[in-house]
N, C-alpha and C. Protein backbone atom coordinates (compact mmCIF):
# COMPACT_ATOMS: atom_id res chain seq x y z
N MET A 1 156.74 82.03 139.30
CA MET A 1 155.67 81.54 138.46
C MET A 1 155.30 80.12 138.88
N LYS A 2 154.06 79.79 138.67
CA LYS A 2 153.58 78.45 138.97
C LYS A 2 154.03 77.49 137.86
N TRP A 3 154.06 76.21 138.18
CA TRP A 3 154.53 75.21 137.21
C TRP A 3 153.71 75.23 135.93
N ILE A 4 152.40 75.40 136.02
CA ILE A 4 151.55 75.39 134.83
C ILE A 4 151.97 76.50 133.86
N THR A 5 152.33 77.66 134.40
CA THR A 5 152.78 78.76 133.55
C THR A 5 154.10 78.41 132.90
N HIS A 6 155.05 77.88 133.68
CA HIS A 6 156.34 77.47 133.12
C HIS A 6 156.15 76.45 132.00
N GLU A 7 155.34 75.44 132.25
CA GLU A 7 155.14 74.36 131.27
C GLU A 7 154.45 74.87 130.00
N ALA A 8 153.35 75.58 130.16
CA ALA A 8 152.57 76.04 129.01
C ALA A 8 153.35 77.00 128.13
N VAL A 9 154.00 77.98 128.74
CA VAL A 9 154.72 78.98 127.96
C VAL A 9 155.94 78.38 127.28
N ALA A 10 156.72 77.60 128.00
CA ALA A 10 157.94 77.01 127.42
C ALA A 10 157.59 76.07 126.26
N VAL A 11 156.65 75.17 126.47
CA VAL A 11 156.28 74.23 125.41
C VAL A 11 155.61 74.96 124.25
N GLY A 12 154.77 75.93 124.55
CA GLY A 12 154.11 76.68 123.48
C GLY A 12 155.08 77.44 122.60
N VAL A 13 156.04 78.11 123.21
CA VAL A 13 157.04 78.85 122.44
C VAL A 13 157.90 77.89 121.62
N ALA A 14 158.33 76.78 122.25
CA ALA A 14 159.15 75.80 121.53
C ALA A 14 158.38 75.20 120.35
N TRP A 15 157.10 74.95 120.53
CA TRP A 15 156.24 74.43 119.45
C TRP A 15 156.24 75.43 118.30
N LEU A 16 156.01 76.71 118.62
CA LEU A 16 155.96 77.75 117.58
C LEU A 16 157.30 77.89 116.86
N LEU A 17 158.40 77.58 117.54
CA LEU A 17 159.72 77.65 116.92
C LEU A 17 160.06 76.39 116.11
N GLY A 18 159.15 75.42 116.12
CA GLY A 18 159.34 74.22 115.31
C GLY A 18 160.11 73.10 115.97
N MET A 19 160.17 73.08 117.28
CA MET A 19 160.86 72.01 118.00
C MET A 19 160.10 70.70 117.80
N PRO A 20 160.81 69.61 117.43
CA PRO A 20 160.14 68.32 117.26
C PRO A 20 159.68 67.73 118.59
N LEU A 21 158.89 66.67 118.51
CA LEU A 21 158.25 66.08 119.68
C LEU A 21 159.26 65.69 120.77
N THR A 22 160.38 65.08 120.40
CA THR A 22 161.38 64.69 121.40
C THR A 22 161.93 65.93 122.10
N GLY A 23 162.15 66.98 121.36
CA GLY A 23 162.61 68.24 121.95
C GLY A 23 161.56 68.84 122.86
N LEU A 24 160.29 68.75 122.45
CA LEU A 24 159.20 69.28 123.29
C LEU A 24 159.12 68.53 124.62
N ALA A 25 159.39 67.23 124.60
CA ALA A 25 159.42 66.47 125.85
C ALA A 25 160.53 67.02 126.76
N GLY A 26 161.68 67.33 126.18
CA GLY A 26 162.76 67.93 126.94
C GLY A 26 162.39 69.31 127.47
N VAL A 27 161.70 70.10 126.65
CA VAL A 27 161.26 71.43 127.07
C VAL A 27 160.32 71.30 128.27
N PHE A 28 159.40 70.36 128.20
CA PHE A 28 158.44 70.15 129.29
C PHE A 28 159.19 69.83 130.59
N ALA A 29 160.16 68.92 130.50
CA ALA A 29 160.94 68.56 131.69
C ALA A 29 161.80 69.74 132.16
N GLY A 30 162.43 70.41 131.23
CA GLY A 30 163.31 71.53 131.58
C GLY A 30 162.57 72.72 132.14
N SER A 31 161.30 72.87 131.76
CA SER A 31 160.54 74.04 132.20
C SER A 31 160.31 74.08 133.70
N ILE A 32 160.44 72.95 134.37
CA ILE A 32 160.29 72.91 135.83
C ILE A 32 161.56 72.40 136.53
N LEU A 33 162.58 72.06 135.74
CA LEU A 33 163.80 71.46 136.29
C LEU A 33 164.47 72.30 137.38
N PRO A 34 164.62 73.62 137.24
CA PRO A 34 165.25 74.38 138.33
C PRO A 34 164.53 74.21 139.67
N ASP A 35 163.20 74.21 139.66
CA ASP A 35 162.45 74.03 140.90
C ASP A 35 162.55 72.59 141.41
N VAL A 36 162.54 71.62 140.50
CA VAL A 36 162.67 70.21 140.89
C VAL A 36 164.02 69.98 141.57
N LEU A 37 165.07 70.57 141.03
CA LEU A 37 166.40 70.43 141.64
C LEU A 37 166.42 71.06 143.04
N ASP A 38 165.79 72.22 143.20
CA ASP A 38 165.72 72.85 144.51
C ASP A 38 164.94 71.98 145.50
N GLN A 39 163.85 71.41 145.05
CA GLN A 39 163.04 70.55 145.93
C GLN A 39 163.80 69.28 146.30
N GLY A 40 164.51 68.70 145.33
CA GLY A 40 165.30 67.50 145.61
C GLY A 40 166.38 67.76 146.63
N ALA A 41 167.06 68.88 146.52
CA ALA A 41 168.10 69.23 147.49
C ALA A 41 167.49 69.47 148.87
N ALA A 42 166.34 70.11 148.92
CA ALA A 42 165.67 70.40 150.20
C ALA A 42 165.22 69.12 150.89
N ARG A 43 164.86 68.10 150.11
CA ARG A 43 164.42 66.82 150.69
C ARG A 43 165.53 66.12 151.46
N LEU A 44 166.76 66.45 151.15
CA LEU A 44 167.90 65.82 151.82
C LEU A 44 168.14 66.41 153.21
N LEU A 45 167.49 67.50 153.52
CA LEU A 45 167.72 68.20 154.78
C LEU A 45 166.55 67.99 155.74
N VAL A 46 166.75 68.26 157.01
CA VAL A 46 165.74 67.99 158.04
C VAL A 46 164.52 68.88 157.90
N PHE A 47 164.71 70.18 157.86
CA PHE A 47 163.60 71.11 157.76
C PHE A 47 163.38 71.44 156.29
N ARG A 48 162.62 70.59 155.62
CA ARG A 48 162.51 70.66 154.15
C ARG A 48 161.99 71.99 153.64
N GLN A 49 160.91 72.47 154.19
CA GLN A 49 160.33 73.73 153.68
C GLN A 49 161.26 74.90 153.93
N LEU A 50 161.86 74.94 155.10
CA LEU A 50 162.81 75.99 155.42
C LEU A 50 164.03 75.92 154.47
N ALA A 51 164.49 74.70 154.23
CA ALA A 51 165.62 74.51 153.32
C ALA A 51 165.24 74.93 151.90
N PHE A 52 164.05 74.55 151.47
CA PHE A 52 163.61 74.93 150.12
C PHE A 52 163.55 76.45 150.00
N ASN A 53 162.98 77.11 150.98
CA ASN A 53 162.88 78.57 150.94
C ASN A 53 164.25 79.22 150.84
N LYS A 54 165.24 78.63 151.50
CA LYS A 54 166.59 79.17 151.47
C LYS A 54 167.28 78.86 150.13
N LEU A 55 167.04 77.66 149.59
CA LEU A 55 167.69 77.23 148.35
C LEU A 55 167.05 77.81 147.09
N HIS A 56 165.73 77.97 147.14
CA HIS A 56 164.98 78.32 145.93
C HIS A 56 165.46 79.63 145.32
N ARG A 57 165.57 79.61 144.02
CA ARG A 57 166.04 80.74 143.21
C ARG A 57 167.48 81.11 143.53
N GLY A 58 168.25 80.07 143.78
CA GLY A 58 169.70 80.23 143.97
C GLY A 58 170.41 79.78 142.70
N PRO A 59 171.44 78.96 142.83
CA PRO A 59 172.26 78.54 141.68
C PRO A 59 171.47 77.87 140.54
N THR A 60 170.41 77.15 140.87
CA THR A 60 169.65 76.47 139.81
C THR A 60 168.88 77.45 138.93
N HIS A 61 168.72 78.67 139.40
CA HIS A 61 167.98 79.68 138.64
C HIS A 61 168.89 80.72 137.98
N TRP A 62 170.15 80.36 137.80
CA TRP A 62 171.10 81.24 137.13
C TRP A 62 171.11 80.91 135.64
N PHE A 63 170.99 81.94 134.80
CA PHE A 63 170.94 81.76 133.34
C PHE A 63 172.14 80.99 132.80
N GLY A 64 173.30 81.23 133.35
CA GLY A 64 174.54 80.70 132.79
C GLY A 64 174.57 79.21 132.56
N TRP A 65 174.13 78.41 133.55
CA TRP A 65 174.16 76.95 133.40
C TRP A 65 173.31 76.52 132.21
N TRP A 66 172.11 77.04 132.17
CA TRP A 66 171.14 76.60 131.16
C TRP A 66 171.49 77.13 129.78
N LEU A 67 172.03 78.33 129.72
CA LEU A 67 172.47 78.89 128.45
C LEU A 67 173.62 78.06 127.89
N ALA A 68 174.56 77.67 128.75
CA ALA A 68 175.70 76.84 128.31
C ALA A 68 175.21 75.50 127.77
N LEU A 69 174.27 74.87 128.47
CA LEU A 69 173.72 73.59 128.01
C LEU A 69 173.04 73.77 126.65
N PHE A 70 172.18 74.77 126.56
CA PHE A 70 171.44 75.00 125.31
C PHE A 70 172.37 75.29 124.15
N VAL A 71 173.31 76.19 124.33
CA VAL A 71 174.23 76.57 123.24
C VAL A 71 175.09 75.39 122.83
N ALA A 72 175.62 74.64 123.80
CA ALA A 72 176.47 73.49 123.47
C ALA A 72 175.71 72.46 122.64
N VAL A 73 174.51 72.15 123.03
CA VAL A 73 173.72 71.15 122.29
C VAL A 73 173.25 71.72 120.95
N PHE A 74 172.86 73.00 120.95
CA PHE A 74 172.41 73.64 119.71
C PHE A 74 173.53 73.62 118.67
N LEU A 75 174.75 73.91 119.08
CA LEU A 75 175.89 73.85 118.15
C LEU A 75 176.13 72.43 117.67
N GLN A 76 175.91 71.46 118.56
CA GLN A 76 176.09 70.06 118.19
C GLN A 76 175.07 69.62 117.14
N THR A 77 173.88 70.21 117.17
CA THR A 77 172.84 69.85 116.19
C THR A 77 173.03 70.57 114.86
N GLY A 78 174.06 71.42 114.77
CA GLY A 78 174.24 72.20 113.55
C GLY A 78 173.32 73.40 113.51
N CYS A 79 173.02 73.95 114.67
CA CYS A 79 172.15 75.13 114.81
C CYS A 79 170.76 74.88 114.23
N SER A 80 170.19 73.73 114.58
CA SER A 80 168.87 73.36 114.09
C SER A 80 168.05 72.74 115.21
N PHE A 81 166.76 73.02 115.20
CA PHE A 81 165.86 72.39 116.16
C PHE A 81 165.42 71.01 115.68
N SER A 82 165.67 70.68 114.42
CA SER A 82 165.16 69.41 113.90
C SER A 82 166.23 68.39 113.60
N ALA A 83 167.52 68.79 113.66
CA ALA A 83 168.60 67.85 113.38
C ALA A 83 169.05 67.18 114.67
N GLY A 84 169.56 65.97 114.55
CA GLY A 84 170.13 65.30 115.71
C GLY A 84 169.32 64.10 116.14
N GLU A 85 169.93 63.33 117.03
CA GLU A 85 169.29 62.14 117.57
C GLU A 85 168.35 62.51 118.70
N SER A 86 167.55 61.55 119.11
CA SER A 86 166.53 61.81 120.13
C SER A 86 167.11 62.37 121.42
N MET A 87 168.19 61.79 121.93
CA MET A 87 168.76 62.28 123.19
C MET A 87 169.31 63.70 123.04
N THR A 88 169.87 63.99 121.86
CA THR A 88 170.40 65.33 121.60
C THR A 88 169.25 66.33 121.59
N LEU A 89 168.16 65.98 120.91
CA LEU A 89 167.01 66.88 120.85
C LEU A 89 166.36 67.04 122.22
N PHE A 90 166.34 65.96 122.99
CA PHE A 90 165.80 66.05 124.35
C PHE A 90 166.65 67.01 125.19
N ALA A 91 167.98 66.88 125.09
CA ALA A 91 168.89 67.77 125.84
C ALA A 91 168.74 69.21 125.39
N LEU A 92 168.55 69.42 124.08
CA LEU A 92 168.32 70.77 123.56
C LEU A 92 167.05 71.35 124.17
N GLY A 93 166.00 70.55 124.20
CA GLY A 93 164.75 70.98 124.80
C GLY A 93 164.88 71.24 126.30
N LEU A 94 165.66 70.41 126.97
CA LEU A 94 165.87 70.58 128.40
C LEU A 94 166.51 71.95 128.68
N GLY A 95 167.54 72.29 127.91
CA GLY A 95 168.18 73.59 128.08
C GLY A 95 167.23 74.73 127.76
N PHE A 96 166.45 74.59 126.68
CA PHE A 96 165.49 75.62 126.29
C PHE A 96 164.43 75.80 127.39
N GLY A 97 163.91 74.69 127.90
CA GLY A 97 162.88 74.76 128.93
C GLY A 97 163.38 75.41 130.21
N ALA A 98 164.61 75.06 130.62
CA ALA A 98 165.18 75.66 131.83
C ALA A 98 165.44 77.16 131.63
N LEU A 99 165.91 77.53 130.43
CA LEU A 99 166.08 78.96 130.13
C LEU A 99 164.75 79.70 130.20
N ALA A 100 163.71 79.08 129.67
CA ALA A 100 162.37 79.69 129.73
C ALA A 100 161.93 79.84 131.18
N HIS A 101 162.21 78.83 132.01
CA HIS A 101 161.86 78.89 133.43
C HIS A 101 162.51 80.10 134.09
N VAL A 102 163.80 80.24 133.88
CA VAL A 102 164.54 81.36 134.49
C VAL A 102 164.02 82.70 133.96
N ALA A 103 163.75 82.77 132.66
CA ALA A 103 163.23 84.02 132.07
C ALA A 103 161.87 84.38 132.68
N LEU A 104 161.01 83.39 132.87
CA LEU A 104 159.70 83.66 133.47
C LEU A 104 159.84 84.07 134.93
N ASP A 105 160.72 83.40 135.67
CA ASP A 105 160.92 83.78 137.07
C ASP A 105 161.52 85.17 137.19
N MET A 106 162.25 85.59 136.18
CA MET A 106 162.82 86.94 136.19
C MET A 106 161.69 88.00 136.13
N CYS A 107 160.52 87.62 135.65
CA CYS A 107 159.39 88.54 135.57
C CYS A 107 158.70 88.76 136.92
N THR A 108 159.01 87.92 137.90
CA THR A 108 158.35 88.01 139.20
C THR A 108 159.05 89.02 140.11
N GLN A 109 158.43 89.26 141.25
CA GLN A 109 158.97 90.21 142.23
C GLN A 109 160.33 89.78 142.77
N THR A 110 160.51 88.48 142.98
CA THR A 110 161.75 87.97 143.56
C THR A 110 162.90 87.98 142.56
N GLY A 111 162.62 87.59 141.34
CA GLY A 111 163.63 87.58 140.31
C GLY A 111 164.55 86.38 140.36
N VAL A 112 165.68 86.48 139.68
CA VAL A 112 166.67 85.41 139.59
C VAL A 112 168.06 85.98 139.87
N PRO A 113 169.00 85.11 140.31
CA PRO A 113 170.33 85.64 140.66
C PRO A 113 171.13 86.11 139.45
N VAL A 114 171.88 87.18 139.65
CA VAL A 114 172.78 87.69 138.62
C VAL A 114 174.03 86.81 138.57
N ALA A 115 174.47 86.33 139.73
CA ALA A 115 175.62 85.43 139.84
C ALA A 115 175.15 84.11 140.45
N PRO A 116 175.77 83.00 140.09
CA PRO A 116 175.25 81.69 140.51
C PRO A 116 175.24 81.43 142.01
N TRP A 117 176.15 82.00 142.76
CA TRP A 117 176.25 81.66 144.18
C TRP A 117 175.81 82.81 145.09
N SER A 118 175.07 83.76 144.57
CA SER A 118 174.66 84.90 145.38
C SER A 118 173.18 85.19 145.20
N LYS A 119 172.50 85.40 146.30
CA LYS A 119 171.11 85.82 146.23
C LYS A 119 170.98 87.29 146.61
N LYS A 120 172.12 87.97 146.74
CA LYS A 120 172.09 89.39 147.10
C LYS A 120 171.68 90.24 145.91
N ASN A 121 172.21 89.93 144.74
CA ASN A 121 171.89 90.70 143.53
C ASN A 121 170.94 89.88 142.66
N MET A 122 169.68 90.26 142.70
CA MET A 122 168.66 89.56 141.93
C MET A 122 168.21 90.45 140.77
N MET A 123 167.97 89.80 139.63
CA MET A 123 167.49 90.50 138.44
C MET A 123 165.99 90.26 138.34
N SER A 124 165.20 91.32 138.36
CA SER A 124 163.75 91.19 138.36
C SER A 124 163.10 92.30 137.54
N LEU A 125 162.12 91.90 136.73
CA LEU A 125 161.34 92.88 135.98
C LEU A 125 160.13 93.34 136.79
N LYS A 126 159.84 92.64 137.89
CA LYS A 126 158.76 92.98 138.82
C LYS A 126 157.40 93.18 138.12
N LEU A 127 157.10 92.26 137.19
CA LEU A 127 155.83 92.35 136.47
C LEU A 127 154.67 91.72 137.22
N CYS A 128 154.96 90.71 138.04
CA CYS A 128 153.89 90.04 138.78
C CYS A 128 154.47 89.25 139.94
N ALA A 129 153.60 88.86 140.84
CA ALA A 129 153.99 87.97 141.93
C ALA A 129 153.55 86.56 141.56
N THR A 130 154.28 85.57 142.03
CA THR A 130 153.95 84.18 141.76
C THR A 130 152.55 83.86 142.27
N GLY A 131 151.72 83.26 141.42
CA GLY A 131 150.37 82.88 141.80
C GLY A 131 149.38 84.03 141.85
N SER A 132 149.78 85.20 141.41
CA SER A 132 148.89 86.37 141.46
C SER A 132 147.93 86.38 140.27
N LEU A 133 146.96 87.25 140.35
CA LEU A 133 146.02 87.43 139.25
C LEU A 133 146.77 87.85 137.99
N ALA A 134 147.81 88.66 138.14
CA ALA A 134 148.60 89.10 136.99
C ALA A 134 149.28 87.92 136.30
N GLU A 135 149.78 86.95 137.08
CA GLU A 135 150.38 85.76 136.46
C GLU A 135 149.34 84.98 135.67
N TYR A 136 148.16 84.78 136.26
CA TYR A 136 147.12 84.01 135.57
C TYR A 136 146.57 84.77 134.36
N ALA A 137 146.55 86.07 134.41
CA ALA A 137 146.14 86.87 133.23
C ALA A 137 147.18 86.71 132.13
N PHE A 138 148.46 86.72 132.50
CA PHE A 138 149.54 86.49 131.53
C PHE A 138 149.38 85.12 130.89
N LEU A 139 149.15 84.09 131.71
CA LEU A 139 148.99 82.72 131.20
C LEU A 139 147.78 82.63 130.27
N ALA A 140 146.67 83.20 130.66
CA ALA A 140 145.46 83.16 129.82
C ALA A 140 145.69 83.88 128.50
N THR A 141 146.38 85.01 128.54
CA THR A 141 146.69 85.74 127.31
C THR A 141 147.60 84.92 126.42
N PHE A 142 148.61 84.29 127.01
CA PHE A 142 149.51 83.45 126.23
C PHE A 142 148.75 82.31 125.55
N VAL A 143 147.90 81.63 126.30
CA VAL A 143 147.13 80.50 125.75
C VAL A 143 146.23 80.97 124.61
N LEU A 144 145.60 82.11 124.78
CA LEU A 144 144.74 82.66 123.74
C LEU A 144 145.54 82.98 122.48
N VAL A 145 146.63 83.69 122.63
CA VAL A 145 147.47 84.05 121.48
C VAL A 145 148.04 82.79 120.84
N PHE A 146 148.51 81.84 121.64
CA PHE A 146 149.05 80.59 121.11
C PHE A 146 147.99 79.84 120.30
N SER A 147 146.78 79.75 120.83
CA SER A 147 145.73 79.00 120.12
C SER A 147 145.36 79.66 118.80
N VAL A 148 145.47 80.96 118.70
CA VAL A 148 145.21 81.65 117.43
C VAL A 148 146.36 81.42 116.46
N VAL A 149 147.60 81.60 116.93
CA VAL A 149 148.78 81.46 116.07
C VAL A 149 148.97 80.02 115.61
N ALA A 150 148.74 79.07 116.50
CA ALA A 150 148.99 77.66 116.18
C ALA A 150 147.73 76.91 115.78
N ARG A 151 146.66 77.64 115.45
CA ARG A 151 145.36 77.01 115.17
C ARG A 151 145.44 75.91 114.12
N GLU A 152 146.08 76.18 112.99
CA GLU A 152 146.15 75.19 111.92
C GLU A 152 146.91 73.95 112.36
N ASP A 153 148.02 74.13 113.05
CA ASP A 153 148.78 72.99 113.56
C ASP A 153 147.96 72.17 114.54
N LEU A 154 147.24 72.85 115.43
CA LEU A 154 146.42 72.16 116.42
C LEU A 154 145.29 71.40 115.76
N MET A 155 144.68 71.98 114.73
CA MET A 155 143.60 71.30 114.01
C MET A 155 144.14 70.06 113.29
N ARG A 156 145.32 70.17 112.69
CA ARG A 156 145.96 69.02 112.03
C ARG A 156 146.27 67.93 113.05
N LEU A 157 146.75 68.32 114.21
CA LEU A 157 147.07 67.36 115.26
C LEU A 157 145.82 66.64 115.74
N LEU A 158 144.73 67.36 115.93
CA LEU A 158 143.47 66.74 116.33
C LEU A 158 142.94 65.80 115.25
N ALA A 159 143.06 66.19 113.99
CA ALA A 159 142.61 65.33 112.88
C ALA A 159 143.44 64.05 112.84
N GLU A 160 144.74 64.16 113.05
CA GLU A 160 145.60 62.99 113.05
C GLU A 160 145.28 62.08 114.24
N ALA A 161 145.02 62.66 115.40
CA ALA A 161 144.65 61.88 116.57
C ALA A 161 143.34 61.15 116.32
N LYS A 162 142.41 61.83 115.68
CA LYS A 162 141.11 61.20 115.38
C LYS A 162 141.31 60.06 114.38
N ARG A 163 142.16 60.29 113.36
CA ARG A 163 142.45 59.26 112.37
C ARG A 163 143.07 58.02 113.02
N LEU A 164 143.91 58.24 114.02
CA LEU A 164 144.56 57.13 114.72
C LEU A 164 143.66 56.54 115.81
N SER A 165 142.44 57.01 115.87
CA SER A 165 141.43 56.55 116.86
C SER A 165 141.84 56.82 118.29
N LEU A 166 142.58 57.91 118.51
CA LEU A 166 142.90 58.29 119.87
C LEU A 166 141.68 58.91 120.56
N PHE A 167 140.78 59.45 119.74
CA PHE A 167 139.51 59.97 120.25
C PHE A 167 138.41 59.21 119.55
N ASN A 168 137.46 58.71 120.31
CA ASN A 168 136.35 57.97 119.69
C ASN A 168 135.20 58.88 119.36
């Protein structure tokens, strides 16, 4: 999936689940974190693109790491999206966003690893290819459904922004 799909879907779902703003910032960062980690590791090597292609969708795309982070922080917050300090909520969002990233990549043709250190066994729903028309149709459908479901919240947010003179 493209980054825009990861970001929009992860943040949209977290918003609908009632994640506070600090958590949403973590979700936004976490939604692309597995790819950012792969790119960072590839930058350390000589043939960056070749290294990225070999590294991508390896250990950073395994559910286990992100599930452990999310569950550990979620338990620390008392099983709440709204309890806890800013850093705790950010970490909760980071885990949620990375889990969403892996779940979305599992929908693609390539899939995600079943085990952290193996790319031989990949789990894939084979619903679309990255950057395909099917991915963009999924994103458009999600945005449409989100805007209908979250309409009142979005209208309140726009009214508050206007009240604070963020829009002239």
